[in-house]
């Protein structure tokens, strides 16, 4: 591992390396989006090249698809796959019940569709993503462009009755222009600070006209693989309630992933 990598980057790499070990030849695998998921794609690409791993990957964004092809992973669509053995993705936050906030990378719609079309979802993360209550990270909500300001007003009205600490909403920008998702939609970020009842909030949001999907992933994740900068990894399984440790040796001369940016 390159000595130039930060402890957070090393933690992301180790979580991805552990999660990649669960992938077997013949699997159809959902590939997440974001900086941590990019490590996973690189780790799988290494196994394809060095171990002859044969898998088909269903990416959750154009940039993940491009990276998967670059490292030698066969890419197919979800319609071609129909159902997946496993999805591995990052998260912006996760709580003790392995409920998630996702969408910081703007791919929450495809990520949720792919995750729910899988036998199992594994999240890879560093310890900073663990929270007692979801909501410190702004909750992304994907909305169609038509009437988005009306949708925003309806969201703000609905939040009055929700168990949240903040109600500010903002349109995500990309420079001077609105951020546009792969599906051509916009994203509203909800600055809630704390979400008291994530399940209720998710249901209420998705009843508002104009909302395509929200970034709350409830009862979707089966395991979280948490990486630490010192070589430690923890695998937390919500189904059996276990926390299993693992350890990796960090070799300073291992530079395979040194060119992967955040």
C-alpha atoms as a PDB file:
ATOM      1  CA  UNK A   1       0.000   0.000   0.000  1.00  0.00           C
ATOM      2  CA  UNK A   2       1.402   3.332  -0.984  1.00  0.00           C
ATOM      3  CA  UNK A   3       2.597   5.393   1.973  1.00  0.00           C
ATOM      4  CA  UNK A   4       0.920   8.427   0.381  1.00  0.00           C
ATOM      5  CA  UNK A   5      -2.537   7.053   1.104  1.00  0.00           C
ATOM      6  CA  UNK A   6      -4.353   8.548   4.067  1.00  0.00           C
ATOM      7  CA  UNK A   7      -5.692   6.325   6.881  1.00  0.00           C
ATOM      8  CA  UNK A   8      -9.213   6.847   5.489  1.00  0.00           C
ATOM      9  CA  UNK A   9      -8.135   5.700   2.024  1.00  0.00           C
ATOM     10  CA  UNK A  10      -6.408   2.670   3.515  1.00  0.00           C
ATOM     11  CA  UNK A  11      -9.590   1.857   5.468  1.00  0.00           C
ATOM     12  CA  UNK A  12     -11.677   2.074   2.299  1.00  0.00           C
ATOM     13  CA  UNK A  13      -9.257  -0.167   0.433  1.00  0.00           C
ATOM     14  CA  UNK A  14      -9.256  -2.807   3.187  1.00  0.00           C
ATOM     15  CA  UNK A  15     -13.049  -2.875   3.405  1.00  0.00           C
ATOM     16  CA  UNK A  16     -13.225  -3.267  -0.369  1.00  0.00           C
ATOM     17  CA  UNK A  17     -10.579  -6.007  -0.361  1.00  0.00           C
ATOM     18  CA  UNK A  18     -12.501  -7.985   2.268  1.00  0.00           C
ATOM     19  CA  UNK A  19     -15.819  -7.555   0.462  1.00  0.00           C
ATOM     20  CA  UNK A  20     -14.267  -8.603  -2.845  1.00  0.00           C
ATOM     21  CA  UNK A  21     -13.341 -11.934  -1.245  1.00  0.00           C
ATOM     22  CA  UNK A  22     -17.053 -12.825  -1.015  1.00  0.00           C
ATOM     23  CA  UNK A  23     -17.446 -12.730  -4.796  1.00  0.00           C
ATOM     24  CA  UNK A  24     -17.263 -16.104  -6.553  1.00  0.00           C
ATOM     25  CA  UNK A  25     -16.928 -17.134 -10.171  1.00  0.00           C
ATOM     26  CA  UNK A  26     -20.270 -17.196 -11.945  1.00  0.00           C
ATOM     27  CA  UNK A  27     -21.842 -14.495  -9.811  1.00  0.00           C
ATOM     28  CA  UNK A  28     -23.782 -11.526 -11.120  1.00  0.00           C
ATOM     29  CA  UNK A  29     -22.703  -8.604  -8.930  1.00  0.00           C
ATOM     30  CA  UNK A  30     -24.126  -5.127  -8.453  1.00  0.00           C
ATOM     31  CA  UNK A  31     -21.336  -2.555  -8.447  1.00  0.00           C
ATOM     32  CA  UNK A  32     -21.926   0.602  -6.422  1.00  0.00           C
ATOM     33  CA  UNK A  33     -20.921   4.182  -7.071  1.00  0.00           C
ATOM     34  CA  UNK A  34     -18.600   6.489  -5.139  1.00  0.00           C
ATOM     35  CA  UNK A  35     -15.035   6.598  -3.876  1.00  0.00           C
ATOM     36  CA  UNK A  36     -15.307   3.497  -1.677  1.00  0.00           C
ATOM     37  CA  UNK A  37     -17.111   1.470  -4.340  1.00  0.00           C
ATOM     38  CA  UNK A  38     -14.353   2.396  -6.788  1.00  0.00           C
ATOM     39  CA  UNK A  39     -11.863   0.564  -4.577  1.00  0.00           C
ATOM     40  CA  UNK A  40     -14.126  -2.485  -4.752  1.00  0.00           C
ATOM     41  CA  UNK A  41     -14.202  -2.404  -8.548  1.00  0.00           C
ATOM     42  CA  UNK A  42     -10.402  -2.190  -8.621  1.00  0.00           C
ATOM     43  CA  UNK A  43     -10.078  -5.123  -6.207  1.00  0.00           C
ATOM     44  CA  UNK A  44     -12.434  -7.228  -8.321  1.00  0.00           C
ATOM     45  CA  UNK A  45     -10.501  -6.252 -11.433  1.00  0.00           C
ATOM     46  CA  UNK A  46      -7.329  -7.516  -9.775  1.00  0.00           C
ATOM     47  CA  UNK A  47      -9.001 -10.870  -9.083  1.00  0.00           C
ATOM     48  CA  UNK A  48     -10.254 -11.067 -12.671  1.00  0.00           C
ATOM     49  CA  UNK A  49      -6.746 -10.473 -13.962  1.00  0.00           C
ATOM     50  CA  UNK A  50      -4.691 -12.491 -11.477  1.00  0.00           C
ATOM     51  CA  UNK A  51      -7.064 -15.253 -10.340  1.00  0.00           C
ATOM     52  CA  UNK A  52      -9.256 -15.806 -13.385  1.00  0.00           C
ATOM     53  CA  UNK A  53     -12.399 -14.683 -11.572  1.00  0.00           C
ATOM     54  CA  UNK A  54     -15.332 -14.727 -13.993  1.00  0.00           C
ATOM     55  CA  UNK A  55     -18.232 -12.478 -13.045  1.00  0.00           C
ATOM     56  CA  UNK A  56     -20.763 -10.193 -14.641  1.00  0.00           C
ATOM     57  CA  UNK A  57     -21.108  -6.733 -13.129  1.00  0.00           C
ATOM     58  CA  UNK A  58     -24.171  -4.510 -13.097  1.00  0.00           C
ATOM     59  CA  UNK A  59     -22.954  -0.943 -12.487  1.00  0.00           C
ATOM     60  CA  UNK A  60     -25.061   1.718 -10.803  1.00  0.00           C
ATOM     61  CA  UNK A  61     -23.695   4.660 -12.791  1.00  0.00           C
ATOM     62  CA  UNK A  62     -21.908   5.512 -16.015  1.00  0.00           C
ATOM     63  CA  UNK A  63     -18.646   6.192 -14.174  1.00  0.00           C
ATOM     64  CA  UNK A  64     -18.743   2.817 -12.409  1.00  0.00           C
ATOM     65  CA  UNK A  65     -19.433   1.115 -15.749  1.00  0.00           C
ATOM     66  CA  UNK A  66     -16.445   2.867 -17.305  1.00  0.00           C
ATOM     67  CA  UNK A  67     -14.147   1.824 -14.445  1.00  0.00           C
ATOM     68  CA  UNK A  68     -15.408  -1.785 -14.492  1.00  0.00           C
ATOM     69  CA  UNK A  69     -14.672  -2.123 -18.194  1.00  0.00           C
ATOM     70  CA  UNK A  70     -11.265  -0.526 -17.682  1.00  0.00           C
ATOM     71  CA  UNK A  71     -10.243  -3.184 -15.139  1.00  0.00           C
ATOM     72  CA  UNK A  72     -11.602  -6.098 -17.157  1.00  0.00           C
ATOM     73  CA  UNK A  73     -14.991  -6.795 -15.577  1.00  0.00           C
ATOM     74  CA  UNK A  74     -17.745  -7.860 -17.986  1.00  0.00           C
ATOM     75  CA  UNK A  75     -20.549  -5.305 -17.741  1.00  0.00           C
ATOM     76  CA  UNK A  76     -24.209  -6.138 -18.324  1.00  0.00           C
ATOM     77  CA  UNK A  77     -27.480  -4.343 -17.625  1.00  0.00           C
ATOM     78  CA  UNK A  78     -29.888  -5.225 -14.840  1.00  0.00           C
ATOM     79  CA  UNK A  79     -32.460  -6.213 -17.465  1.00  0.00           C
ATOM     80  CA  UNK A  80     -29.947  -8.690 -18.869  1.00  0.00           C
ATOM     81  CA  UNK A  81     -29.074 -10.003 -15.413  1.00  0.00           C
ATOM     82  CA  UNK A  82     -32.696 -10.044 -14.165  1.00  0.00           C
ATOM     83  CA  UNK A  83     -31.513 -10.861 -10.608  1.00  0.00           C
ATOM     84  CA  UNK A  84     -28.189 -10.524  -8.793  1.00  0.00           C
ATOM     85  CA  UNK A  85     -26.327 -12.723  -6.356  1.00  0.00           C
ATOM     86  CA  UNK A  86     -24.764  -9.811  -4.533  1.00  0.00           C
ATOM     87  CA  UNK A  87     -24.486  -6.034  -4.533  1.00  0.00           C
ATOM     88  CA  UNK A  88     -21.522  -4.283  -2.928  1.00  0.00           C
ATOM     89  CA  UNK A  89     -21.667  -0.529  -2.416  1.00  0.00           C
ATOM     90  CA  UNK A  90     -20.582   2.259  -0.117  1.00  0.00           C
ATOM     91  CA  UNK A  91     -22.750   4.402   2.155  1.00  0.00           C
ATOM     92  CA  UNK A  92     -22.740   7.958   3.434  1.00  0.00           C
ATOM     93  CA  UNK A  93     -24.075   6.843   6.831  1.00  0.00           C
ATOM     94  CA  UNK A  94     -25.164   3.619   8.516  1.00  0.00           C
ATOM     95  CA  UNK A  95     -26.755   3.043  11.925  1.00  0.00           C
ATOM     96  CA  UNK A  96     -26.822   0.115  14.331  1.00  0.00           C
ATOM     97  CA  UNK A  97     -29.621  -1.584  12.375  1.00  0.00           C
ATOM     98  CA  UNK A  98     -27.613  -1.192   9.147  1.00  0.00           C
ATOM     99  CA  UNK A  99     -30.077   1.318   7.748  1.00  0.00           C
ATOM    100  CA  UNK A 100     -28.314   3.672   5.368  1.00  0.00           C
ATOM    101  CA  UNK A 101     -28.205   7.099   3.809  1.00  0.00           C
ATOM    102  CA  UNK A 102     -26.881   6.899   0.261  1.00  0.00           C
ATOM    103  CA  UNK A 103     -26.772   9.241  -2.691  1.00  0.00           C
ATOM    104  CA  UNK A 104     -23.861  11.518  -1.953  1.00  0.00           C
ATOM    105  CA  UNK A 105     -22.478  10.463  -5.313  1.00  0.00           C
ATOM    106  CA  UNK A 106     -25.773  11.164  -7.049  1.00  0.00           C
ATOM    107  CA  UNK A 107     -26.617   7.567  -8.027  1.00  0.00           C
ATOM    108  CA  UNK A 108     -29.178   6.690  -5.356  1.00  0.00           C
ATOM    109  CA  UNK A 109     -31.957   5.654  -7.767  1.00  0.00           C
ATOM    110  CA  UNK A 110     -29.943   3.061  -9.663  1.00  0.00           C
ATOM    111  CA  UNK A 111     -28.202   2.007  -6.449  1.00  0.00           C
ATOM    112  CA  UNK A 112     -31.512   1.266  -4.710  1.00  0.00           C
ATOM    113  CA  UNK A 113     -32.951  -0.594  -7.705  1.00  0.00           C
ATOM    114  CA  UNK A 114     -29.835  -2.765  -8.011  1.00  0.00           C
ATOM    115  CA  UNK A 115     -29.553  -3.397  -4.259  1.00  0.00           C
ATOM    116  CA  UNK A 116     -33.161  -4.538  -3.945  1.00  0.00           C
ATOM    117  CA  UNK A 117     -32.743  -6.854  -6.957  1.00  0.00           C
ATOM    118  CA  UNK A 118     -30.023  -8.802  -5.128  1.00  0.00           C
ATOM    119  CA  UNK A 119     -29.965 -11.799  -2.817  1.00  0.00           C
ATOM    120  CA  UNK A 120     -27.609  -9.877  -0.534  1.00  0.00           C
ATOM    121  CA  UNK A 121     -26.268  -6.352  -0.123  1.00  0.00           C
ATOM    122  CA  UNK A 122     -22.897  -5.666   1.465  1.00  0.00           C
ATOM    123  CA  UNK A 123     -21.860  -2.125   2.366  1.00  0.00           C
ATOM    124  CA  UNK A 124     -18.192  -1.178   2.532  1.00  0.00           C
ATOM    125  CA  UNK A 125     -17.226   1.793   4.681  1.00  0.00           C
ATOM    126  CA  UNK A 126     -14.745   3.328   7.053  1.00  0.00           C
ATOM    127  CA  UNK A 127     -15.660   3.856  10.690  1.00  0.00           C
ATOM    128  CA  UNK A 128     -16.520   7.540  10.147  1.00  0.00           C
ATOM    129  CA  UNK A 129     -19.746   6.478   8.396  1.00  0.00           C
ATOM    130  CA  UNK A 130     -21.164   4.886  11.551  1.00  0.00           C
ATOM    131  CA  UNK A 131     -23.772   6.995  13.396  1.00  0.00           C
ATOM    132  CA  UNK A 132     -26.218   6.513  16.240  1.00  0.00           C
ATOM    133  CA  UNK A 133     -29.027   8.200  14.276  1.00  0.00           C
ATOM    134  CA  UNK A 134     -29.158   8.897  10.567  1.00  0.00           C
ATOM    135  CA  UNK A 135     -29.395  12.467   9.346  1.00  0.00           C
ATOM    136  CA  UNK A 136     -26.137  14.317   9.908  1.00  0.00           C
ATOM    137  CA  UNK A 137     -25.344  13.666   6.256  1.00  0.00           C
ATOM    138  CA  UNK A 138     -27.835  15.531   4.037  1.00  0.00           C
ATOM    139  CA  UNK A 139     -30.514  13.169   2.741  1.00  0.00           C
ATOM    140  CA  UNK A 140     -30.579  13.125  -1.080  1.00  0.00           C
ATOM    141  CA  UNK A 141     -33.948  13.040  -2.816  1.00  0.00           C
ATOM    142  CA  UNK A 142     -34.112  12.551  -6.577  1.00  0.00           C
ATOM    143  CA  UNK A 143     -36.851  14.604  -8.251  1.00  0.00           C
ATOM    144  CA  UNK A 144     -37.919  15.114 -11.844  1.00  0.00           C
ATOM    145  CA  UNK A 145     -37.007  18.513 -13.359  1.00  0.00           C
ATOM    146  CA  UNK A 146     -40.621  19.470 -14.089  1.00  0.00           C
ATOM    147  CA  UNK A 147     -42.010  21.485 -11.191  1.00  0.00           C
ATOM    148  CA  UNK A 148     -39.059  20.756  -8.927  1.00  0.00           C
ATOM    149  CA  UNK A 149     -39.629  23.920  -6.928  1.00  0.00           C
ATOM    150  CA  UNK A 150     -43.194  22.795  -6.202  1.00  0.00           C
ATOM    151  CA  UNK A 151     -41.855  19.410  -5.165  1.00  0.00           C
ATOM    152  CA  UNK A 152     -39.362  21.171  -2.902  1.00  0.00           C
ATOM    153  CA  UNK A 153     -42.179  23.156  -1.271  1.00  0.00           C
ATOM    154  CA  UNK A 154     -44.215  19.971  -0.737  1.00  0.00           C
ATOM    155  CA  UNK A 155     -41.197  18.319   0.900  1.00  0.00           C
ATOM    156  CA  UNK A 156     -40.689  21.254   3.247  1.00  0.00           C
ATOM    157  CA  UNK A 157     -44.366  21.150   4.195  1.00  0.00           C
ATOM    158  CA  UNK A 158     -44.220  17.400   4.847  1.00  0.00           C
ATOM    159  CA  UNK A 159     -41.137  17.768   7.038  1.00  0.00           C
ATOM    160  CA  UNK A 160     -43.121  19.885   9.513  1.00  0.00           C
ATOM    161  CA  UNK A 161     -44.796  16.720  10.759  1.00  0.00           C
ATOM    162  CA  UNK A 162     -41.656  14.575  10.794  1.00  0.00           C
ATOM    163  CA  UNK A 163     -39.337  13.719  13.684  1.00  0.00           C
ATOM    164  CA  UNK A 164     -36.308  15.630  12.375  1.00  0.00           C
ATOM    165  CA  UNK A 165     -34.126  18.390  13.812  1.00  0.00           C
ATOM    166  CA  UNK A 166     -33.714  20.423  10.631  1.00  0.00           C
ATOM    167  CA  UNK A 167     -35.920  21.162   7.628  1.00  0.00           C
ATOM    168  CA  UNK A 168     -33.700  23.084   5.218  1.00  0.00           C
ATOM    169  CA  UNK A 169     -33.587  21.828   1.626  1.00  0.00           C
ATOM    170  CA  UNK A 170     -31.274  22.780  -1.216  1.00  0.00           C
ATOM    171  CA  UNK A 171     -30.924  21.988  -4.895  1.00  0.00           C
ATOM    172  CA  UNK A 172     -27.670  20.166  -5.554  1.00  0.00           C
ATOM    173  CA  UNK A 173     -25.485  22.104  -7.944  1.00  0.00           C
ATOM    174  CA  UNK A 174     -22.675  21.203 -10.312  1.00  0.00           C
ATOM    175  CA  UNK A 175     -20.812  24.475 -10.596  1.00  0.00           C
ATOM    176  CA  UNK A 176     -23.297  27.082 -11.788  1.00  0.00           C
ATOM    177  CA  UNK A 177     -25.831  24.522 -13.055  1.00  0.00           C
ATOM    178  CA  UNK A 178     -28.101  22.026 -11.296  1.00  0.00           C
ATOM    179  CA  UNK A 179     -26.602  18.583 -10.810  1.00  0.00           C
ATOM    180  CA  UNK A 180     -28.124  16.117 -13.284  1.00  0.00           C
ATOM    181  CA  UNK A 181     -28.370  12.390 -12.486  1.00  0.00           C
ATOM    182  CA  UNK A 182     -27.776   9.612 -15.003  1.00  0.00           C
ATOM    183  CA  UNK A 183     -31.560   9.493 -15.419  1.00  0.00           C
ATOM    184  CA  UNK A 184     -31.742  13.211 -16.224  1.00  0.00           C
ATOM    185  CA  UNK A 185     -33.254  14.189 -12.876  1.00  0.00           C
ATOM    186  CA  UNK A 186     -32.312  16.671 -10.132  1.00  0.00           C
ATOM    187  CA  UNK A 187     -31.333  16.082  -6.513  1.00  0.00           C
ATOM    188  CA  UNK A 188     -32.642  17.949  -3.498  1.00  0.00           C
ATOM    189  CA  UNK A 189     -30.504  17.597  -0.379  1.00  0.00           C
ATOM    190  CA  UNK A 190     -32.445  17.618   2.895  1.00  0.00           C
ATOM    191  CA  UNK A 191     -30.444  18.994   5.834  1.00  0.00           C
ATOM    192  CA  UNK A 192     -32.246  17.192   8.645  1.00  0.00           C
ATOM    193  CA  UNK A 193     -29.431  16.808  11.235  1.00  0.00           C
ATOM    194  CA  UNK A 194     -31.197  13.859  12.880  1.00  0.00           C
ATOM    195  CA  UNK A 195     -33.913  11.518  11.596  1.00  0.00           C
ATOM    196  CA  UNK A 196     -36.031  10.085  14.385  1.00  0.00           C
ATOM    197  CA  UNK A 197     -38.074   7.654  12.279  1.00  0.00           C
ATOM    198  CA  UNK A 198     -36.323   6.841   9.017  1.00  0.00           C
ATOM    199  CA  UNK A 199     -38.898   4.291   7.876  1.00  0.00           C
ATOM    200  CA  UNK A 200     -41.785   6.740   8.257  1.00  0.00           C
ATOM    201  CA  UNK A 201     -39.865   9.527   6.548  1.00  0.00           C
ATOM    202  CA  UNK A 202     -39.032   7.323   3.577  1.00  0.00           C
ATOM    203  CA  UNK A 203     -42.674   6.357   3.098  1.00  0.00           C
ATOM    204  CA  UNK A 204     -43.888   9.946   3.371  1.00  0.00           C
ATOM    205  CA  UNK A 205     -41.310  11.303   0.934  1.00  0.00           C
ATOM    206  CA  UNK A 206     -42.083   8.741  -1.743  1.00  0.00           C
ATOM    207  CA  UNK A 207     -45.766   9.693  -1.675  1.00  0.00           C
ATOM    208  CA  UNK A 208     -44.981  13.250  -2.803  1.00  0.00           C
ATOM    209  CA  UNK A 209     -45.555  13.829  -6.539  1.00  0.00           C
ATOM    210  CA  UNK A 210     -42.334  14.628  -8.360  1.00  0.00           C
ATOM    211  CA  UNK A 211     -40.118  12.524  -6.106  1.00  0.00           C
ATOM    212  CA  UNK A 212     -38.547   9.590  -7.892  1.00  0.00           C
ATOM    213  CA  UNK A 213     -36.710   8.073  -4.916  1.00  0.00           C
ATOM    214  CA  UNK A 214     -35.022   9.018  -1.650  1.00  0.00           C
ATOM    215  CA  UNK A 215     -31.639   8.043  -0.222  1.00  0.00           C
ATOM    216  CA  UNK A 216     -32.886   6.114   2.807  1.00  0.00           C
ATOM    217  CA  UNK A 217     -32.076   2.413   2.429  1.00  0.00           C
ATOM    218  CA  UNK A 218     -34.189   0.633   5.049  1.00  0.00           C
ATOM    219  CA  UNK A 219     -33.902  -3.150   5.609  1.00  0.00           C
ATOM    220  CA  UNK A 220     -31.792  -3.502   2.464  1.00  0.00           C
ATOM    221  CA  UNK A 221     -28.262  -4.015   3.811  1.00  0.00           C
ATOM    222  CA  UNK A 222     -27.214  -7.436   5.162  1.00  0.00           C
ATOM    223  CA  UNK A 223     -23.594  -6.761   6.109  1.00  0.00           C
ATOM    224  CA  UNK A 224     -21.310  -3.806   6.651  1.00  0.00           C
ATOM    225  CA  UNK A 225     -17.591  -4.327   6.151  1.00  0.00           C
ATOM    226  CA  UNK A 226     -15.771  -1.623   8.111  1.00  0.00           C
ATOM    227  CA  UNK A 227     -12.144  -0.870   7.345  1.00  0.00           C
ATOM    228  CA  UNK A 228      -9.608   0.762   9.655  1.00  0.00           C
ATOM    229  CA  UNK A 229      -6.361   2.461   8.743  1.00  0.00           C
ATOM    230  CA  UNK A 230      -4.243   0.053  10.825  1.00  0.00           C
ATOM    231  CA  UNK A 231      -5.111  -3.058   8.807  1.00  0.00           C
ATOM    232  CA  UNK A 232      -8.135  -4.134  10.815  1.00  0.00           C
ATOM    233  CA  UNK A 233     -11.495  -4.996   9.258  1.00  0.00           C
ATOM    234  CA  UNK A 234     -14.813  -5.748  10.977  1.00  0.00           C
ATOM    235  CA  UNK A 235     -17.684  -7.577   9.307  1.00  0.00           C
ATOM    236  CA  UNK A 236     -21.010  -6.716  10.918  1.00  0.00           C
ATOM    237  CA  UNK A 237     -23.890  -9.031  10.010  1.00  0.00           C
ATOM    238  CA  UNK A 238     -27.398  -7.795  10.789  1.00  0.00           C
ATOM    239  CA  UNK A 239     -28.958 -11.221  10.244  1.00  0.00           C
ATOM    240  CA  UNK A 240     -26.982 -13.154  12.862  1.00  0.00           C
ATOM    241  CA  UNK A 241     -25.889 -10.192  14.990  1.00  0.00           C
ATOM    242  CA  UNK A 242     -22.189 -10.963  14.777  1.00  0.00           C
ATOM    243  CA  UNK A 243     -19.121  -8.726  14.487  1.00  0.00           C
ATOM    244  CA  UNK A 244     -16.213 -10.701  13.037  1.00  0.00           C
ATOM    245  CA  UNK A 245     -12.700  -9.163  12.895  1.00  0.00           C
ATOM    246  CA  UNK A 246     -10.084  -9.726  10.209  1.00  0.00           C
ATOM    247  CA  UNK A 247      -6.611  -8.329   9.661  1.00  0.00           C
ATOM    248  CA  UNK A 248      -4.470  -7.495   6.635  1.00  0.00           C
ATOM    249  CA  UNK A 249      -0.770  -6.754   6.352  1.00  0.00           C
ATOM    250  CA  UNK A 250      -0.199  -3.307   4.854  1.00  0.00           C
ATOM    251  CA  UNK A 251       2.852  -3.589   2.633  1.00  0.00           C
ATOM    252  CA  UNK A 252       4.387  -0.227   1.869  1.00  0.00           C
ATOM    253  CA  UNK A 253       5.556  -1.456  -1.538  1.00  0.00           C
ATOM    254  CA  UNK A 254       2.046  -2.402  -2.679  1.00  0.00           C
ATOM    255  CA  UNK A 255       1.153   0.407  -5.074  1.00  0.00           C
ATOM    256  CA  UNK A 256      -1.469  -1.207  -7.295  1.00  0.00           C
ATOM    257  CA  UNK A 257      -4.134   1.246  -6.203  1.00  0.00           C
ATOM    258  CA  UNK A 258      -1.980   4.284  -5.600  1.00  0.00           C
ATOM    259  CA  UNK A 259      -3.332   6.014  -8.713  1.00  0.00           C
ATOM    260  CA  UNK A 260      -6.968   5.773  -7.636  1.00  0.00           C
ATOM    261  CA  UNK A 261      -8.214   9.176  -6.534  1.00  0.00           C
ATOM    262  CA  UNK A 262     -11.081   9.934  -4.200  1.00  0.00           C
END
